[in-house]
mmCIF file of all heavy atoms, coordinates in Angstrom:
data_MODEL
# 
_entry.id   MODEL 
# 
loop_
_atom_site.group_PDB 
_atom_site.id 
_atom_site.type_symbol 
_atom_site.label_atom_id 
_atom_site.label_alt_id 
_atom_site.label_comp_id 
_atom_site.label_asym_id 
_atom_site.label_entity_id 
_atom_site.label_seq_id 
_atom_site.pdbx_PDB_ins_code 
_atom_site.Cartn_x 
_atom_site.Cartn_y 
_atom_site.Cartn_z 
_atom_site.occupancy 
_atom_site.B_iso_or_equiv 
_atom_site.pdbx_formal_charge 
_atom_site.auth_seq_id 
_atom_site.auth_comp_id 
_atom_site.auth_asym_id 
_atom_site.auth_atom_id 
_atom_site.pdbx_PDB_model_num 
ATOM 1   N N   . PRO A 1 1  ? 105.735 106.428 100.243 1.00 0.00 ? 1  PRO A N   1 
ATOM 2   C CA  . PRO A 1 1  ? 104.299 106.718 100.434 1.00 0.00 ? 1  PRO A CA  1 
ATOM 3   C C   . PRO A 1 1  ? 103.450 106.353 99.218  1.00 0.00 ? 1  PRO A C   1 
ATOM 4   O O   . PRO A 1 1  ? 102.359 105.787 99.355  1.00 0.00 ? 1  PRO A O   1 
ATOM 5   C CB  . PRO A 1 1  ? 104.286 108.232 100.695 1.00 0.00 ? 1  PRO A CB  1 
ATOM 6   C CG  . PRO A 1 1  ? 105.637 108.537 101.239 1.00 0.00 ? 1  PRO A CG  1 
ATOM 7   C CD  . PRO A 1 1  ? 106.563 107.614 100.504 1.00 0.00 ? 1  PRO A CD  1 
ATOM 8   N N   . GLY A 1 2  ? 103.932 106.650 98.020  1.00 0.00 ? 2  GLY A N   1 
ATOM 9   C CA  . GLY A 1 2  ? 103.198 106.282 96.820  1.00 0.00 ? 2  GLY A CA  1 
ATOM 10  C C   . GLY A 1 2  ? 103.139 104.776 96.623  1.00 0.00 ? 2  GLY A C   1 
ATOM 11  O O   . GLY A 1 2  ? 102.112 104.236 96.196  1.00 0.00 ? 2  GLY A O   1 
ATOM 12  N N   . PHE A 1 3  ? 104.234 104.089 96.947  1.00 0.00 ? 3  PHE A N   1 
ATOM 13  C CA  . PHE A 1 3  ? 104.259 102.637 96.834  1.00 0.00 ? 3  PHE A CA  1 
ATOM 14  C C   . PHE A 1 3  ? 103.293 102.010 97.834  1.00 0.00 ? 3  PHE A C   1 
ATOM 15  O O   . PHE A 1 3  ? 102.651 101.000 97.535  1.00 0.00 ? 3  PHE A O   1 
ATOM 16  C CB  . PHE A 1 3  ? 105.672 102.117 97.072  1.00 0.00 ? 3  PHE A CB  1 
ATOM 17  C CG  . PHE A 1 3  ? 105.808 100.629 96.927  1.00 0.00 ? 3  PHE A CG  1 
ATOM 18  C CD1 . PHE A 1 3  ? 105.883 100.049 95.668  1.00 0.00 ? 3  PHE A CD1 1 
ATOM 19  C CD2 . PHE A 1 3  ? 105.843 99.806  98.042  1.00 0.00 ? 3  PHE A CD2 1 
ATOM 20  C CE1 . PHE A 1 3  ? 106.001 98.675  95.521  1.00 0.00 ? 3  PHE A CE1 1 
ATOM 21  C CE2 . PHE A 1 3  ? 105.955 98.433  97.906  1.00 0.00 ? 3  PHE A CE2 1 
ATOM 22  C CZ  . PHE A 1 3  ? 106.031 97.861  96.647  1.00 0.00 ? 3  PHE A CZ  1 
ATOM 23  N N   . GLN A 1 4  ? 103.176 102.607 98.999  1.00 0.00 ? 4  GLN A N   1 
ATOM 24  C CA  . GLN A 1 4  ? 102.236 102.110 100.003 1.00 0.00 ? 4  GLN A CA  1 
ATOM 25  C C   . GLN A 1 4  ? 100.806 102.146 99.478  1.00 0.00 ? 4  GLN A C   1 
ATOM 26  O O   . GLN A 1 4  ? 100.038 101.193 99.649  1.00 0.00 ? 4  GLN A O   1 
ATOM 27  C CB  . GLN A 1 4  ? 102.347 102.957 101.273 1.00 0.00 ? 4  GLN A CB  1 
ATOM 28  C CG  . GLN A 1 4  ? 101.335 102.591 102.351 1.00 0.00 ? 4  GLN A CG  1 
ATOM 29  C CD  . GLN A 1 4  ? 101.530 103.422 103.615 1.00 0.00 ? 4  GLN A CD  1 
ATOM 30  O OE1 . GLN A 1 4  ? 102.544 104.098 103.785 1.00 0.00 ? 4  GLN A OE1 1 
ATOM 31  N NE2 . GLN A 1 4  ? 100.560 103.384 104.498 1.00 0.00 ? 4  GLN A NE2 1 
ATOM 32  N N   . ASN A 1 5  ? 100.456 103.228 98.823  1.00 0.00 ? 5  ASN A N   1 
ATOM 33  C CA  . ASN A 1 5  ? 99.128  103.342 98.244  1.00 0.00 ? 5  ASN A CA  1 
ATOM 34  C C   . ASN A 1 5  ? 98.915  102.287 97.157  1.00 0.00 ? 5  ASN A C   1 
ATOM 35  O O   . ASN A 1 5  ? 97.853  101.655 97.084  1.00 0.00 ? 5  ASN A O   1 
ATOM 36  C CB  . ASN A 1 5  ? 98.941  104.741 97.660  1.00 0.00 ? 5  ASN A CB  1 
ATOM 37  C CG  . ASN A 1 5  ? 97.551  104.972 97.126  1.00 0.00 ? 5  ASN A CG  1 
ATOM 38  O OD1 . ASN A 1 5  ? 96.560  104.833 97.845  1.00 0.00 ? 5  ASN A OD1 1 
ATOM 39  N ND2 . ASN A 1 5  ? 97.449  105.335 95.860  1.00 0.00 ? 5  ASN A ND2 1 
ATOM 40  N N   . GLU A 1 6  ? 99.913  102.066 96.333  1.00 0.00 ? 6  GLU A N   1 
ATOM 41  C CA  . GLU A 1 6  ? 99.813  101.078 95.264  1.00 0.00 ? 6  GLU A CA  1 
ATOM 42  C C   . GLU A 1 6  ? 99.705  99.666  95.831  1.00 0.00 ? 6  GLU A C   1 
ATOM 43  O O   . GLU A 1 6  ? 98.965  98.824  95.298  1.00 0.00 ? 6  GLU A O   1 
ATOM 44  C CB  . GLU A 1 6  ? 101.035 101.185 94.340  1.00 0.00 ? 6  GLU A CB  1 
ATOM 45  C CG  . GLU A 1 6  ? 101.051 100.205 93.183  1.00 0.00 ? 6  GLU A CG  1 
ATOM 46  C CD  . GLU A 1 6  ? 99.885  100.377 92.232  1.00 0.00 ? 6  GLU A CD  1 
ATOM 47  O OE1 . GLU A 1 6  ? 99.226  101.449 92.257  1.00 0.00 ? 6  GLU A OE1 1 
ATOM 48  O OE2 . GLU A 1 6  ? 99.605  99.437  91.467  1.00 0.00 ? 6  GLU A OE2 1 
ATOM 49  N N   . PHE A 1 7  ? 100.401 99.404  96.918  1.00 0.00 ? 7  PHE A N   1 
ATOM 50  C CA  . PHE A 1 7  ? 100.326 98.090  97.567  1.00 0.00 ? 7  PHE A CA  1 
ATOM 51  C C   . PHE A 1 7  ? 98.895  97.804  97.995  1.00 0.00 ? 7  PHE A C   1 
ATOM 52  O O   . PHE A 1 7  ? 98.359  96.707  97.764  1.00 0.00 ? 7  PHE A O   1 
ATOM 53  C CB  . PHE A 1 7  ? 101.260 98.067  98.786  1.00 0.00 ? 7  PHE A CB  1 
ATOM 54  C CG  . PHE A 1 7  ? 101.607 96.689  99.275  1.00 0.00 ? 7  PHE A CG  1 
ATOM 55  C CD1 . PHE A 1 7  ? 102.917 96.247  99.263  1.00 0.00 ? 7  PHE A CD1 1 
ATOM 56  C CD2 . PHE A 1 7  ? 100.622 95.834  99.747  1.00 0.00 ? 7  PHE A CD2 1 
ATOM 57  C CE1 . PHE A 1 7  ? 103.244 94.975  99.710  1.00 0.00 ? 7  PHE A CE1 1 
ATOM 58  C CE2 . PHE A 1 7  ? 100.941 94.556  100.191 1.00 0.00 ? 7  PHE A CE2 1 
ATOM 59  C CZ  . PHE A 1 7  ? 102.251 94.128  100.175 1.00 0.00 ? 7  PHE A CZ  1 
ATOM 60  N N   . THR A 1 8  ? 98.254  98.791  98.601  1.00 0.00 ? 8  THR A N   1 
ATOM 61  C CA  . THR A 1 8  ? 96.877  98.621  99.058  1.00 0.00 ? 8  THR A CA  1 
ATOM 62  C C   . THR A 1 8  ? 95.937  98.387  97.885  1.00 0.00 ? 8  THR A C   1 
ATOM 63  O O   . THR A 1 8  ? 95.037  97.538  97.949  1.00 0.00 ? 8  THR A O   1 
ATOM 64  C CB  . THR A 1 8  ? 96.428  99.856  99.856  1.00 0.00 ? 8  THR A CB  1 
ATOM 65  O OG1 . THR A 1 8  ? 97.328  100.070 100.952 1.00 0.00 ? 8  THR A OG1 1 
ATOM 66  C CG2 . THR A 1 8  ? 95.022  99.684  100.390 1.00 0.00 ? 8  THR A CG2 1 
ATOM 67  N N   . ILE A 1 9  ? 96.125  99.128  96.808  1.00 0.00 ? 9  ILE A N   1 
ATOM 68  C CA  . ILE A 1 9  ? 95.262  98.992  95.632  1.00 0.00 ? 9  ILE A CA  1 
ATOM 69  C C   . ILE A 1 9  ? 95.395  97.605  95.011  1.00 0.00 ? 9  ILE A C   1 
ATOM 70  O O   . ILE A 1 9  ? 94.400  96.954  94.679  1.00 0.00 ? 9  ILE A O   1 
ATOM 71  C CB  . ILE A 1 9  ? 95.590  100.085 94.596  1.00 0.00 ? 9  ILE A CB  1 
ATOM 72  C CG1 . ILE A 1 9  ? 95.174  101.458 95.131  1.00 0.00 ? 9  ILE A CG1 1 
ATOM 73  C CG2 . ILE A 1 9  ? 94.901  99.798  93.263  1.00 0.00 ? 9  ILE A CG2 1 
ATOM 74  C CD1 . ILE A 1 9  ? 95.606  102.608 94.260  1.00 0.00 ? 9  ILE A CD1 1 
ATOM 75  N N   . VAL A 1 10 ? 96.625  97.130  94.853  1.00 0.00 ? 10 VAL A N   1 
ATOM 76  C CA  . VAL A 1 10 ? 96.843  95.817  94.241  1.00 0.00 ? 10 VAL A CA  1 
ATOM 77  C C   . VAL A 1 10 ? 96.263  94.718  95.129  1.00 0.00 ? 10 VAL A C   1 
ATOM 78  O O   . VAL A 1 10 ? 95.665  93.745  94.623  1.00 0.00 ? 10 VAL A O   1 
ATOM 79  C CB  . VAL A 1 10 ? 98.340  95.571  93.983  1.00 0.00 ? 10 VAL A CB  1 
ATOM 80  C CG1 . VAL A 1 10 ? 98.587  94.133  93.542  1.00 0.00 ? 10 VAL A CG1 1 
ATOM 81  C CG2 . VAL A 1 10 ? 98.852  96.533  92.927  1.00 0.00 ? 10 VAL A CG2 1 
ATOM 82  N N   . LEU A 1 11 ? 96.415  94.858  96.435  1.00 0.00 ? 11 LEU A N   1 
ATOM 83  C CA  . LEU A 1 11 ? 95.863  93.869  97.362  1.00 0.00 ? 11 LEU A CA  1 
ATOM 84  C C   . LEU A 1 11 ? 94.363  93.708  97.151  1.00 0.00 ? 11 LEU A C   1 
ATOM 85  O O   . LEU A 1 11 ? 93.839  92.591  97.084  1.00 0.00 ? 11 LEU A O   1 
ATOM 86  C CB  . LEU A 1 11 ? 96.163  94.271  98.803  1.00 0.00 ? 11 LEU A CB  1 
ATOM 87  C CG  . LEU A 1 11 ? 95.518  93.424  99.903  1.00 0.00 ? 11 LEU A CG  1 
ATOM 88  C CD1 . LEU A 1 11 ? 95.994  91.983  99.818  1.00 0.00 ? 11 LEU A CD1 1 
ATOM 89  C CD2 . LEU A 1 11 ? 95.813  94.006  101.277 1.00 0.00 ? 11 LEU A CD2 1 
ATOM 90  N N   . LYS A 1 12 ? 93.664  94.816  97.011  1.00 0.00 ? 12 LYS A N   1 
ATOM 91  C CA  . LYS A 1 12 ? 92.211  94.747  96.801  1.00 0.00 ? 12 LYS A CA  1 
ATOM 92  C C   . LYS A 1 12 ? 91.866  94.345  95.371  1.00 0.00 ? 12 LYS A C   1 
ATOM 93  O O   . LYS A 1 12 ? 90.838  93.689  95.140  1.00 0.00 ? 12 LYS A O   1 
ATOM 94  C CB  . LYS A 1 12 ? 91.581  96.092  97.162  1.00 0.00 ? 12 LYS A CB  1 
ATOM 95  C CG  . LYS A 1 12 ? 91.653  96.405  98.659  1.00 0.00 ? 12 LYS A CG  1 
ATOM 96  C CD  . LYS A 1 12 ? 90.962  97.706  98.996  1.00 0.00 ? 12 LYS A CD  1 
ATOM 97  C CE  . LYS A 1 12 ? 91.725  98.901  98.483  1.00 0.00 ? 12 LYS A CE  1 
ATOM 98  N NZ  . LYS A 1 12 ? 91.121  100.184 98.935  1.00 0.00 ? 12 LYS A NZ  1 
ATOM 99  N N   . ASP A 1 13 ? 92.714  94.706  94.423  1.00 0.00 ? 13 ASP A N   1 
ATOM 100 C CA  . ASP A 1 13 ? 92.435  94.362  93.022  1.00 0.00 ? 13 ASP A CA  1 
ATOM 101 C C   . ASP A 1 13 ? 92.634  92.876  92.728  1.00 0.00 ? 13 ASP A C   1 
ATOM 102 O O   . ASP A 1 13 ? 92.205  92.396  91.669  1.00 0.00 ? 13 ASP A O   1 
ATOM 103 C CB  . ASP A 1 13 ? 93.334  95.177  92.086  1.00 0.00 ? 13 ASP A CB  1 
ATOM 104 C CG  . ASP A 1 13 ? 92.789  96.575  91.833  1.00 0.00 ? 13 ASP A CG  1 
ATOM 105 O OD1 . ASP A 1 13 ? 91.648  96.850  92.251  1.00 0.00 ? 13 ASP A OD1 1 
ATOM 106 O OD2 . ASP A 1 13 ? 93.498  97.392  91.222  1.00 0.00 ? 13 ASP A OD2 1 
ATOM 107 N N   . THR A 1 14 ? 93.268  92.143  93.646  1.00 0.00 ? 14 THR A N   1 
ATOM 108 C CA  . THR A 1 14 ? 93.410  90.704  93.421  1.00 0.00 ? 14 THR A CA  1 
ATOM 109 C C   . THR A 1 14 ? 92.050  90.023  93.316  1.00 0.00 ? 14 THR A C   1 
ATOM 110 O O   . THR A 1 14 ? 91.937  88.947  92.722  1.00 0.00 ? 14 THR A O   1 
ATOM 111 C CB  . THR A 1 14 ? 94.212  90.036  94.551  1.00 0.00 ? 14 THR A CB  1 
ATOM 112 O OG1 . THR A 1 14 ? 93.585  90.322  95.817  1.00 0.00 ? 14 THR A OG1 1 
ATOM 113 C CG2 . THR A 1 14 ? 95.641  90.549  94.583  1.00 0.00 ? 14 THR A CG2 1 
ATOM 114 N N   . SER A 1 15 ? 91.019  90.643  93.877  1.00 0.00 ? 15 SER A N   1 
ATOM 115 C CA  . SER A 1 15 ? 89.675  90.057  93.792  1.00 0.00 ? 15 SER A CA  1 
ATOM 116 C C   . SER A 1 15 ? 89.167  90.019  92.360  1.00 0.00 ? 15 SER A C   1 
ATOM 117 O O   . SER A 1 15 ? 88.240  89.263  92.038  1.00 0.00 ? 15 SER A O   1 
ATOM 118 C CB  . SER A 1 15 ? 88.700  90.856  94.671  1.00 0.00 ? 15 SER A CB  1 
ATOM 119 O OG  . SER A 1 15 ? 88.618  92.203  94.240  1.00 0.00 ? 15 SER A OG  1 
ATOM 120 N N   . ILE A 1 16 ? 89.784  90.818  91.456  1.00 0.00 ? 16 ILE A N   1 
ATOM 121 C CA  . ILE A 1 16 ? 89.378  90.811  90.047  1.00 0.00 ? 16 ILE A CA  1 
ATOM 122 C C   . ILE A 1 16 ? 89.691  89.464  89.399  1.00 0.00 ? 16 ILE A C   1 
ATOM 123 O O   . ILE A 1 16 ? 89.085  89.088  88.393  1.00 0.00 ? 16 ILE A O   1 
ATOM 124 C CB  . ILE A 1 16 ? 90.090  91.955  89.285  1.00 0.00 ? 16 ILE A CB  1 
ATOM 125 C CG1 . ILE A 1 16 ? 89.716  93.307  89.901  1.00 0.00 ? 16 ILE A CG1 1 
ATOM 126 C CG2 . ILE A 1 16 ? 89.732  91.946  87.821  1.00 0.00 ? 16 ILE A CG2 1 
ATOM 127 C CD1 . ILE A 1 16 ? 88.249  93.635  89.834  1.00 0.00 ? 16 ILE A CD1 1 
ATOM 128 N N   . ALA A 1 17 ? 90.641  88.716  89.969  1.00 0.00 ? 17 ALA A N   1 
ATOM 129 C CA  . ALA A 1 17 ? 90.962  87.393  89.433  1.00 0.00 ? 17 ALA A CA  1 
ATOM 130 C C   . ALA A 1 17 ? 89.764  86.456  89.507  1.00 0.00 ? 17 ALA A C   1 
ATOM 131 O O   . ALA A 1 17 ? 89.758  85.381  88.892  1.00 0.00 ? 17 ALA A O   1 
ATOM 132 C CB  . ALA A 1 17 ? 92.148  86.791  90.190  1.00 0.00 ? 17 ALA A CB  1 
ATOM 133 N N   . PHE A 1 18 ? 88.764  86.869  90.240  1.00 0.00 ? 18 PHE A N   1 
ATOM 134 C CA  . PHE A 1 18 ? 87.482  86.170  90.274  1.00 0.00 ? 18 PHE A CA  1 
ATOM 135 C C   . PHE A 1 18 ? 86.940  85.968  88.852  1.00 0.00 ? 18 PHE A C   1 
ATOM 136 O O   . PHE A 1 18 ? 86.286  84.959  88.556  1.00 0.00 ? 18 PHE A O   1 
ATOM 137 C CB  . PHE A 1 18 ? 86.512  87.031  91.105  1.00 0.00 ? 18 PHE A CB  1 
ATOM 138 C CG  . PHE A 1 18 ? 85.087  86.574  91.100  1.00 0.00 ? 18 PHE A CG  1 
ATOM 139 C CD1 . PHE A 1 18 ? 84.650  85.632  92.006  1.00 0.00 ? 18 PHE A CD1 1 
ATOM 140 C CD2 . PHE A 1 18 ? 84.177  87.099  90.200  1.00 0.00 ? 18 PHE A CD2 1 
ATOM 141 C CE1 . PHE A 1 18 ? 83.332  85.213  92.001  1.00 0.00 ? 18 PHE A CE1 1 
ATOM 142 C CE2 . PHE A 1 18 ? 82.856  86.687  90.197  1.00 0.00 ? 18 PHE A CE2 1 
ATOM 143 C CZ  . PHE A 1 18 ? 82.437  85.739  91.104  1.00 0.00 ? 18 PHE A CZ  1 
ATOM 144 N N   . ALA A 1 19 ? 87.242  86.899  87.938  1.00 0.00 ? 19 ALA A N   1 
ATOM 145 C CA  . ALA A 1 19 ? 86.702  86.853  86.568  1.00 0.00 ? 19 ALA A CA  1 
ATOM 146 C C   . ALA A 1 19 ? 87.217  85.662  85.766  1.00 0.00 ? 19 ALA A C   1 
ATOM 147 O O   . ALA A 1 19 ? 86.557  85.223  84.822  1.00 0.00 ? 19 ALA A O   1 
ATOM 148 C CB  . ALA A 1 19 ? 87.033  88.149  85.835  1.00 0.00 ? 19 ALA A CB  1 
ATOM 149 N N   . ILE A 1 20 ? 88.396  85.131  86.129  1.00 0.00 ? 20 ILE A N   1 
ATOM 150 C CA  . ILE A 1 20 ? 88.937  83.989  85.387  1.00 0.00 ? 20 ILE A CA  1 
ATOM 151 C C   . ILE A 1 20 ? 88.943  82.728  86.249  1.00 0.00 ? 20 ILE A C   1 
ATOM 152 O O   . ILE A 1 20 ? 89.613  81.745  85.928  1.00 0.00 ? 20 ILE A O   1 
ATOM 153 C CB  . ILE A 1 20 ? 90.362  84.280  84.867  1.00 0.00 ? 20 ILE A CB  1 
ATOM 154 C CG1 . ILE A 1 20 ? 91.313  84.672  86.005  1.00 0.00 ? 20 ILE A CG1 1 
ATOM 155 C CG2 . ILE A 1 20 ? 90.327  85.356  83.803  1.00 0.00 ? 20 ILE A CG2 1 
ATOM 156 C CD1 . ILE A 1 20 ? 92.752  84.848  85.566  1.00 0.00 ? 20 ILE A CD1 1 
ATOM 157 N N   . GLY A 1 21 ? 88.201  82.773  87.353  1.00 0.00 ? 21 GLY A N   1 
ATOM 158 C CA  . GLY A 1 21 ? 88.027  81.582  88.167  1.00 0.00 ? 21 GLY A CA  1 
ATOM 159 C C   . GLY A 1 21 ? 89.177  81.227  89.073  1.00 0.00 ? 21 GLY A C   1 
ATOM 160 O O   . GLY A 1 21 ? 89.229  80.092  89.584  1.00 0.00 ? 21 GLY A O   1 
ATOM 161 N N   . LEU A 1 22 ? 90.120  82.137  89.286  1.00 0.00 ? 22 LEU A N   1 
ATOM 162 C CA  . LEU A 1 22 ? 91.224  81.848  90.193  1.00 0.00 ? 22 LEU A CA  1 
ATOM 163 C C   . LEU A 1 22 ? 90.687  81.751  91.621  1.00 0.00 ? 22 LEU A C   1 
ATOM 164 O O   . LEU A 1 22 ? 89.945  82.627  92.067  1.00 0.00 ? 22 LEU A O   1 
ATOM 165 C CB  . LEU A 1 22 ? 92.297  82.942  90.110  1.00 0.00 ? 22 LEU A CB  1 
ATOM 166 C CG  . LEU A 1 22 ? 93.554  82.716  90.950  1.00 0.00 ? 22 LEU A CG  1 
ATOM 167 C CD1 . LEU A 1 22 ? 94.311  81.489  90.471  1.00 0.00 ? 22 LEU A CD1 1 
ATOM 168 C CD2 . LEU A 1 22 ? 94.463  83.940  90.899  1.00 0.00 ? 22 LEU A CD2 1 
ATOM 169 N N   . ALA A 1 23 ? 91.064  80.702  92.323  1.00 0.00 ? 23 ALA A N   1 
ATOM 170 C CA  . ALA A 1 23 ? 90.498  80.438  93.646  1.00 0.00 ? 23 ALA A CA  1 
ATOM 171 C C   . ALA A 1 23 ? 91.145  81.301  94.720  1.00 0.00 ? 23 ALA A C   1 
ATOM 172 O O   . ALA A 1 23 ? 91.750  80.800  95.663  1.00 0.00 ? 23 ALA A O   1 
ATOM 173 C CB  . ALA A 1 23 ? 90.640  78.961  93.993  1.00 0.00 ? 23 ALA A CB  1 
ATOM 174 N N   . GLU A 1 24 ? 91.001  82.631  94.564  1.00 0.00 ? 24 GLU A N   1 
ATOM 175 C CA  . GLU A 1 24 ? 91.474  83.520  95.624  1.00 0.00 ? 24 GLU A CA  1 
ATOM 176 C C   . GLU A 1 24 ? 90.338  83.703  96.636  1.00 0.00 ? 24 GLU A C   1 
ATOM 177 O O   . GLU A 1 24 ? 89.348  82.980  96.613  1.00 0.00 ? 24 GLU A O   1 
ATOM 178 C CB  . GLU A 1 24 ? 91.971  84.855  95.048  1.00 0.00 ? 24 GLU A CB  1 
ATOM 179 C CG  . GLU A 1 24 ? 91.108  85.469  93.971  1.00 0.00 ? 24 GLU A CG  1 
ATOM 180 C CD  . GLU A 1 24 ? 89.834  86.051  94.506  1.00 0.00 ? 24 GLU A CD  1 
ATOM 181 O OE1 . GLU A 1 24 ? 89.896  86.917  95.388  1.00 0.00 ? 24 GLU A OE1 1 
ATOM 182 O OE2 . GLU A 1 24 ? 88.757  85.635  94.049  1.00 0.00 ? 24 GLU A OE2 1 
ATOM 183 N N   . LEU A 1 25 ? 90.464  84.698  97.494  1.00 0.00 ? 25 LEU A N   1 
ATOM 184 C CA  . LEU A 1 25 ? 89.554  84.822  98.630  1.00 0.00 ? 25 LEU A CA  1 
ATOM 185 C C   . LEU A 1 25 ? 88.104  85.050  98.206  1.00 0.00 ? 25 LEU A C   1 
ATOM 186 O O   . LEU A 1 25 ? 87.183  84.407  98.714  1.00 0.00 ? 25 LEU A O   1 
ATOM 187 C CB  . LEU A 1 25 ? 90.042  85.948  99.543  1.00 0.00 ? 25 LEU A CB  1 
ATOM 188 C CG  . LEU A 1 25 ? 89.342  86.094  100.901 1.00 0.00 ? 25 LEU A CG  1 
ATOM 189 C CD1 . LEU A 1 25 ? 89.409  84.793  101.683 1.00 0.00 ? 25 LEU A CD1 1 
ATOM 190 C CD2 . LEU A 1 25 ? 89.986  87.225  101.699 1.00 0.00 ? 25 LEU A CD2 1 
ATOM 191 N N   . LEU A 1 26 ? 87.877  85.985  97.282  1.00 0.00 ? 26 LEU A N   1 
ATOM 192 C CA  . LEU A 1 26 ? 86.510  86.297  96.873  1.00 0.00 ? 26 LEU A CA  1 
ATOM 193 C C   . LEU A 1 26 ? 85.853  85.118  96.153  1.00 0.00 ? 26 LEU A C   1 
ATOM 194 O O   . LEU A 1 26 ? 84.674  84.824  96.371  1.00 0.00 ? 26 LEU A O   1 
ATOM 195 C CB  . LEU A 1 26 ? 86.501  87.535  95.981  1.00 0.00 ? 26 LEU A CB  1 
ATOM 196 C CG  . LEU A 1 26 ? 85.114  88.028  95.536  1.00 0.00 ? 26 LEU A CG  1 
ATOM 197 C CD1 . LEU A 1 26 ? 84.275  88.409  96.747  1.00 0.00 ? 26 LEU A CD1 1 
ATOM 198 C CD2 . LEU A 1 26 ? 85.243  89.209  94.583  1.00 0.00 ? 26 LEU A CD2 1 
ATOM 199 N N   . THR A 1 27 ? 86.602  84.439  95.302  1.00 0.00 ? 27 THR A N   1 
ATOM 200 C CA  . THR A 1 27 ? 86.064  83.278  94.592  1.00 0.00 ? 27 THR A CA  1 
ATOM 201 C C   . THR A 1 27 ? 85.637  82.193  95.571  1.00 0.00 ? 27 THR A C   1 
ATOM 202 O O   . THR A 1 27 ? 84.576  81.573  95.429  1.00 0.00 ? 27 THR A O   1 
ATOM 203 C CB  . THR A 1 27 ? 87.112  82.715  93.618  1.00 0.00 ? 27 THR A CB  1 
ATOM 204 O OG1 . THR A 1 27 ? 87.569  83.760  92.765  1.00 0.00 ? 27 THR A OG1 1 
ATOM 205 C CG2 . THR A 1 27 ? 86.530  81.597  92.779  1.00 0.00 ? 27 THR A CG2 1 
ATOM 206 N N   . ARG A 1 28 ? 86.443  81.946  96.569  1.00 0.00 ? 28 ARG A N   1 
ATOM 207 C CA  . ARG A 1 28 ? 86.125  80.921  97.557  1.00 0.00 ? 28 ARG A CA  1 
ATOM 208 C C   . ARG A 1 28 ? 84.923  81.334  98.405  1.00 0.00 ? 28 ARG A C   1 
ATOM 209 O O   . ARG A 1 28 ? 84.098  80.487  98.777  1.00 0.00 ? 28 ARG A O   1 
ATOM 210 C CB  . ARG A 1 28 ? 87.340  80.651  98.444  1.00 0.00 ? 28 ARG A CB  1 
ATOM 211 C CG  . ARG A 1 28 ? 88.448  79.910  97.712  1.00 0.00 ? 28 ARG A CG  1 
ATOM 212 C CD  . ARG A 1 28 ? 89.709  79.814  98.543  1.00 0.00 ? 28 ARG A CD  1 
ATOM 213 N NE  . ARG A 1 28 ? 90.773  79.168  97.777  1.00 0.00 ? 28 ARG A NE  1 
ATOM 214 C CZ  . ARG A 1 28 ? 91.083  77.879  97.870  1.00 0.00 ? 28 ARG A CZ  1 
ATOM 215 N NH1 . ARG A 1 28 ? 90.408  77.088  98.678  1.00 0.00 ? 28 ARG A NH1 1 
ATOM 216 N NH2 . ARG A 1 28 ? 92.060  77.373  97.147  1.00 0.00 ? 28 ARG A NH2 1 
# 
């Protein structure tokens, strides 16, 4: 259950890669 919560958080935190120009979903 705790890992499930962390999985969700990391999935949404990938948008932070926007700060270094990584072409993930939010950057595109």
